[in-house]
Amino acid sequence: MNTILLFGLPGGAEWIIILFAILLLFGGKKIPELMRGLGKGIREFNSARASIEGEIKEGIKDAERQKIEEKRED
């Protein structure tokens, strides 16, 4: 089984250490605010990604239409 280990610890222990470090750094009252900000950032990223995907797909469709029109003209 291939796993990436941080500091030689198994996966579950890594998460506990990360969560404990976040709790120590930011405190219990700041964590919900940080999570809201993280969620908002992820939503904006996904929205931008979907927009770019749509533009690329539309560009591909336009290019295919132009090829079909060029073949009809020949």
Protein backbone atom coordinates (compact mmCIF):
# COMPACT_ATOMS: atom_id res chain seq x y z
CA MET A 1 0.00 0.00 0.00
CA ASN A 2 1.39 3.40 -1.00
CA THR A 3 0.89 6.11 1.62
CA ILE A 4 2.57 9.44 2.13
CA LEU A 5 3.78 9.82 5.68
CA LEU A 6 4.41 13.11 7.44
CA PHE A 7 7.06 12.82 10.18
CA GLY A 8 6.80 9.03 9.88
CA LEU A 9 3.30 8.95 11.43
CA PRO A 10 0.30 7.10 10.01
CA GLY A 11 -2.48 9.08 8.30
CA GLY A 12 -4.86 9.45 11.25
CA ALA A 13 -2.17 10.78 13.57
CA GLU A 14 -1.11 13.32 10.96
CA TRP A 15 -4.61 14.82 10.91
CA ILE A 16 -4.73 15.00 14.69
CA ILE A 17 -1.42 16.89 14.76
CA ILE A 18 -2.55 19.28 12.02
CA LEU A 19 -5.89 19.98 13.74
CA PHE A 20 -4.16 20.48 17.10
CA ALA A 21 -1.69 22.93 15.53
CA ILE A 22 -4.56 24.90 13.94
CA LEU A 23 -6.37 25.01 17.27
CA LEU A 24 -3.26 26.29 19.02
CA LEU A 25 -2.49 28.90 16.38
CA PHE A 26 -5.94 30.36 15.89
CA GLY A 27 -7.96 29.45 18.96
CA GLY A 28 -11.45 27.98 19.12
CA LYS A 29 -13.29 31.21 18.32
CA LYS A 30 -11.42 31.94 15.08
CA ILE A 31 -11.76 28.49 13.53
CA PRO A 32 -15.40 28.90 12.31
CA GLU A 33 -14.43 32.21 10.69
CA LEU A 34 -11.44 30.57 9.02
CA MET A 35 -13.60 27.69 7.75
CA ARG A 36 -16.18 30.12 6.31
CA GLY A 37 -13.39 31.95 4.52
CA LEU A 38 -11.97 28.67 3.25
CA GLY A 39 -15.40 27.56 2.03
CA LYS A 40 -15.96 30.87 0.26
CA GLY A 41 -12.57 30.62 -1.41
CA ILE A 42 -13.27 27.07 -2.57
CA ARG A 43 -16.68 28.12 -3.97
CA GLU A 44 -15.10 31.02 -5.86
CA PHE A 45 -12.37 28.75 -7.22
CA ASN A 46 -14.91 26.15 -8.40
CA SER A 47 -17.04 28.87 -9.98
CA ALA A 48 -14.05 30.27 -11.86
CA ARG A 49 -13.00 26.76 -12.92
CA ALA A 50 -16.49 25.99 -14.24
CA SER A 51 -16.57 29.29 -16.11
CA ILE A 52 -13.23 28.58 -17.76
CA GLU A 53 -14.31 25.04 -18.66
CA GLY A 54 -17.47 26.44 -20.26
CA GLU A 55 -15.48 28.95 -22.28
CA ILE A 56 -13.08 26.27 -23.48
CA LYS A 57 -15.92 23.93 -24.47
CA GLU A 58 -17.69 26.76 -26.29
CA GLY A 59 -14.46 27.57 -28.13
CA ILE A 60 -14.07 23.96 -29.18
CA LYS A 61 -17.66 23.87 -30.45
CA ASP A 62 -17.10 27.09 -32.42
CA ALA A 63 -13.93 25.67 -33.97
CA GLU A 64 -15.77 22.48 -34.96
CA ARG A 65 -18.61 24.52 -36.50
CA GLN A 66 -16.12 26.54 -38.52
CA LYS A 67 -14.47 23.35 -39.80
CA ILE A 68 -17.85 21.96 -40.84
CA GLU A 69 -18.76 25.22 -42.61
CA GLU A 70 -15.40 25.28 -44.41
CA LYS A 71 -15.95 21.71 -45.64
CA ARG A 72 -19.40 22.62 -46.91
CA GLU A 73 -17.98 25.56 -48.85
CA ASP A 74 -15.39 23.33 -50.56
